[in-house]
Amino acid sequence: MMHRIFPVVLLLSSACGGGADAAPKSDDSAAPATPAAQAPASAAPAWRSNPASGVTVTPGEVTTIETGPHVILWPQDAAELAPPYSVRASLRKHTGRLHEGYGLMFGGTGLDGDEAEQRYSYFLIRGDGSYLIKRREGAQTPVVRDWTRHPEIARDANGEGRHNDLEVRVRADSVTFLVNGGEVATVPASELSVRGRAGLRVSHDVLVEVQGFAAEPGTVVP
């Protein structure tokens, strides 16, 4: 069975790796951010977000999301997934600081609650061509793979991001992370949260397009 595919463009503004050179760290704080004074995300029936205040979602053939703090989003009708499954989306950052990350979230539980109640894994990229793999366990966000540069990731150019296709292939024993069709990392599933809802995570002060989001249960391509 295949879940619905949600094309989506995320517009985020105001306060919101294979090969391997270590990259500079960014602030990926577990502390809840103060919401910006925006309309609630409930304006968009296709998606839910946390935080719900400080985020404006405008649905349509192309959905726009305007946010202040870092945010997680997931389809309103997202089902709980268990391995095997895959999650993918195409992303392009328009504006934002070089070291602000954006990408996929999966294995999510307690997403509607405070961060102390949330559990999920996330796979982010950023403008310097590096990736990050972490998981959230309430107030803690253990690092699974720290920011690492990888040649598969298209770096920012002339102040704007470039298109990057992200995919996570989740199996019972391992999880593989891909960018633009190339593997950047494979880690044991035991290091991650792998059962739950899938969606997106985007950091502060970013304008990013996201298209072709899909979360599909079933056989995962090796």
Protein backbone atom coordinates (compact mmCIF):
# COMPACT_ATOMS: atom_id res chain seq x y z
CA MET A 1 0.00 0.00 0.00
CA MET A 2 1.34 3.47 -0.84
CA HIS A 3 0.60 6.57 1.18
CA ARG A 4 -0.46 9.76 -0.49
CA ILE A 5 2.28 11.99 -1.84
CA PHE A 6 2.14 15.61 -0.72
CA PRO A 7 3.96 18.14 -2.91
CA VAL A 8 4.84 21.00 -0.60
CA VAL A 9 6.84 24.17 -0.65
CA LEU A 10 8.04 25.33 2.74
CA LEU A 11 8.69 29.03 3.14
CA LEU A 12 10.44 29.61 6.42
CA SER A 13 11.46 33.00 7.61
CA SER A 14 12.23 34.85 10.80
CA ALA A 15 14.05 32.93 13.52
CA CYS A 16 13.45 29.49 12.32
CA GLY A 17 27.27 12.92 5.18
CA GLY A 18 30.30 8.02 2.58
CA GLY A 19 32.99 10.85 2.02
CA ALA A 20 33.71 12.90 5.06
CA ASP A 21 35.33 16.10 6.22
CA ALA A 22 34.21 17.29 9.62
CA ALA A 23 32.04 20.38 9.32
CA PRO A 24 31.33 23.23 11.74
CA LYS A 25 28.52 22.69 14.21
CA SER A 26 25.32 24.68 14.27
CA ASP A 27 22.94 25.35 17.10
CA ASP A 28 20.49 22.42 17.01
CA SER A 29 19.01 23.18 20.40
CA ALA A 30 16.53 20.89 22.09
CA ALA A 31 15.04 23.83 23.97
CA PRO A 32 11.62 24.95 22.70
CA ALA A 33 11.80 28.19 20.74
CA THR A 34 9.49 31.11 21.40
CA PRO A 35 6.86 31.17 18.65
CA ALA A 36 6.80 34.13 16.30
CA ALA A 37 3.60 36.13 16.05
CA GLN A 38 2.11 34.31 13.07
CA ALA A 39 -1.15 32.55 12.29
CA PRO A 40 -1.54 28.93 13.48
CA ALA A 41 -0.55 26.03 11.22
CA SER A 42 -4.10 24.70 11.45
CA ALA A 43 -4.77 26.93 8.43
CA ALA A 44 -3.43 24.06 6.32
CA PRO A 45 -5.55 20.92 6.60
CA ALA A 46 -3.02 18.70 4.81
CA TRP A 47 -0.21 19.22 7.34
CA ARG A 48 0.26 19.51 11.07
CA SER A 49 3.17 21.23 12.77
CA ASN A 50 4.78 21.65 16.15
CA PRO A 51 4.95 24.36 17.24
CA ALA A 52 1.49 25.14 15.91
CA SER A 53 1.64 28.84 16.77
CA GLY A 54 4.26 30.96 15.10
CA VAL A 55 3.77 29.03 11.86
CA THR A 56 1.60 30.01 8.90
CA VAL A 57 0.67 27.35 6.38
CA THR A 58 -0.98 28.34 3.10
CA PRO A 59 -2.28 25.24 1.29
CA GLY A 60 -2.67 24.83 -2.42
CA GLU A 61 -1.09 23.05 -5.35
CA VAL A 62 2.07 24.50 -3.86
CA THR A 63 1.90 24.82 -0.11
CA THR A 64 3.77 27.62 1.61
CA ILE A 65 4.84 27.56 5.24
CA GLU A 66 6.16 30.60 7.06
CA THR A 67 7.74 30.03 10.44
CA GLY A 68 9.92 31.54 13.12
CA PRO A 69 11.33 28.74 15.31
CA HIS A 70 12.57 25.36 14.16
CA VAL A 71 9.60 23.22 13.31
CA ILE A 72 8.54 19.64 12.65
CA LEU A 73 5.71 18.96 10.20
CA TRP A 74 3.88 15.80 9.17
CA PRO A 75 0.86 14.99 6.98
CA GLN A 76 -2.38 15.24 8.89
CA ASP A 77 -3.35 11.72 7.85
CA ALA A 78 0.16 10.27 8.38
CA ALA A 79 0.07 6.64 9.50
CA GLU A 80 2.34 4.99 12.04
CA LEU A 81 5.09 3.25 10.04
CA ALA A 82 7.17 0.22 11.02
CA PRO A 83 10.13 -1.16 9.02
CA PRO A 84 10.47 -1.65 6.16
CA TYR A 85 9.55 1.73 4.71
CA SER A 86 11.09 4.71 2.93
CA VAL A 87 10.72 8.48 3.23
CA ARG A 88 11.80 10.97 0.59
CA ALA A 89 11.47 14.56 -0.55
CA SER A 90 13.16 17.08 -2.84
CA LEU A 91 14.34 20.24 -1.09
CA ARG A 92 15.79 23.57 -2.13
CA LYS A 93 16.70 26.40 0.22
CA HIS A 94 16.11 29.90 -1.07
CA THR A 95 17.47 31.98 1.80
CA GLY A 96 18.88 31.32 5.24
CA ARG A 97 22.12 31.03 7.10
CA LEU A 98 24.65 28.54 5.73
CA HIS A 99 24.60 26.38 8.85
CA GLU A 100 20.85 26.02 9.33
CA GLY A 101 19.66 22.47 8.57
CA TYR A 102 16.53 21.13 6.91
CA GLY A 103 15.36 17.66 5.88
CA LEU A 104 13.40 14.54 6.83
CA MET A 105 11.92 13.37 10.10
CA PHE A 106 10.82 9.75 10.76
CA GLY A 107 9.96 7.35 13.58
CA GLY A 108 7.94 10.08 15.23
CA THR A 109 5.78 9.61 18.33
CA GLY A 110 4.29 12.20 20.66
CA LEU A 111 4.69 14.80 17.93
CA ASP A 112 1.77 16.92 19.13
CA GLY A 113 3.18 17.22 22.64
CA ASP A 114 5.91 19.27 24.22
CA GLU A 115 9.45 18.43 23.16
CA ALA A 116 9.83 16.50 26.42
CA GLU A 117 7.23 14.05 25.08
CA GLN A 118 8.54 13.72 21.53
CA ARG A 119 10.53 10.85 20.01
CA TYR A 120 11.78 10.91 16.43
CA SER A 121 14.85 10.64 14.18
CA TYR A 122 15.94 13.28 11.71
CA PHE A 123 18.22 13.61 8.68
CA LEU A 124 19.22 17.15 7.78
CA ILE A 125 21.46 18.81 5.20
CA ARG A 126 22.77 22.36 5.11
CA GLY A 127 24.34 24.84 2.73
CA ASP A 128 27.98 23.87 3.23
CA GLY A 129 27.28 20.41 1.79
CA SER A 130 27.10 18.49 5.05
CA TYR A 131 24.54 16.21 6.67
CA LEU A 132 23.45 15.42 10.22
CA ILE A 133 21.69 12.38 11.69
CA LYS A 134 20.17 12.73 15.17
CA ARG A 135 17.26 11.52 17.20
CA ARG A 136 15.10 13.27 19.72
CA GLU A 137 14.42 11.59 23.05
CA GLY A 138 12.39 14.16 24.88
CA ALA A 139 14.62 17.05 25.90
CA GLN A 140 17.72 15.21 24.66
CA THR A 141 18.90 15.05 21.03
CA PRO A 142 21.68 12.42 20.84
CA VAL A 143 23.96 12.75 17.83
CA VAL A 144 24.06 9.64 15.63
CA ARG A 145 26.29 11.16 12.92
CA ASP A 146 27.60 14.69 13.47
CA TRP A 147 27.70 17.30 10.72
CA THR A 148 29.84 15.78 7.96
CA ARG A 149 30.51 17.09 4.46
CA HIS A 150 29.70 14.78 1.56
CA PRO A 151 30.19 15.27 -2.21
CA GLU A 152 26.67 14.03 -3.01
CA ILE A 153 25.18 17.13 -1.39
CA ALA A 154 24.81 20.19 -3.63
CA ARG A 155 26.15 23.21 -1.76
CA ASP A 156 24.73 26.71 -1.68
CA ALA A 157 25.80 28.93 -4.56
CA ASN A 158 25.46 32.70 -4.90
CA GLY A 159 23.61 32.91 -1.61
CA GLU A 160 20.95 30.34 -2.53
CA GLY A 161 20.58 26.63 -2.01
CA ARG A 162 20.36 24.07 -4.80
CA HIS A 163 18.00 21.13 -5.25
CA ASN A 164 18.81 18.06 -3.16
CA ASP A 165 16.78 14.85 -3.17
CA LEU A 166 16.76 13.24 0.28
CA GLU A 167 15.71 9.67 1.07
CA VAL A 168 15.73 7.44 4.12
CA ARG A 169 15.38 3.65 3.68
CA VAL A 170 14.38 2.03 6.95
CA ARG A 171 14.87 -1.71 7.52
CA ALA A 172 14.49 -3.77 10.67
CA ASP A 173 18.26 -3.86 11.25
CA SER A 174 19.65 -0.79 9.48
CA VAL A 175 18.77 2.62 8.05
CA THR A 176 20.35 4.01 4.87
CA PHE A 177 20.48 7.73 4.13
CA LEU A 178 20.74 9.00 0.54
CA VAL A 179 21.17 12.37 -1.13
CA ASN A 180 20.63 12.74 -4.87
CA GLY A 181 20.56 8.96 -5.22
CA GLY A 182 23.93 8.40 -3.54
CA GLU A 183 24.37 6.76 -0.14
CA VAL A 184 25.88 9.05 2.47
CA ALA A 185 25.50 6.81 5.54
CA THR A 186 24.08 3.53 6.86
CA VAL A 187 23.60 3.09 10.59
CA PRO A 188 22.12 0.36 12.81
CA ALA A 189 18.41 0.78 13.36
CA SER A 190 19.06 0.32 17.09
CA GLU A 191 20.64 3.81 17.14
CA LEU A 192 17.45 5.46 15.90
CA SER A 193 13.74 5.80 16.50
CA VAL A 194 12.22 3.93 13.54
CA ARG A 195 8.57 3.31 14.44
CA GLY A 196 6.15 6.18 14.05
CA ARG A 197 5.12 8.99 11.73
CA ALA A 198 7.29 10.62 9.09
CA GLY A 199 7.55 14.24 8.02
CA LEU A 200 9.95 17.16 7.85
CA ARG A 201 12.15 19.20 10.15
CA VAL A 202 13.42 22.70 9.31
CA SER A 203 15.61 25.01 11.39
CA HIS A 204 15.37 28.72 12.08
CA ASP A 205 15.46 31.61 9.61
CA VAL A 206 15.17 29.59 6.41
CA LEU A 207 13.21 29.77 3.18
CA VAL A 208 13.10 26.28 1.67
CA GLU A 209 11.07 24.51 -1.01
CA VAL A 210 10.02 20.92 -0.45
CA GLN A 211 8.38 18.87 -3.17
CA GLY A 212 7.35 15.25 -3.68
CA PHE A 213 7.23 14.27 -0.04
CA ALA A 214 6.34 10.57 0.29
CA ALA A 215 6.37 8.00 3.08
CA GLU A 216 5.90 4.50 1.69
CA PRO A 217 5.67 1.22 3.61
CA GLY A 218 6.80 -2.05 2.06
CA THR A 219 9.90 -3.58 0.56
CA VAL A 220 12.94 -1.28 0.64
CA VAL A 221 15.35 -1.31 -2.31
CA PRO A 222 18.78 -2.63 -1.17
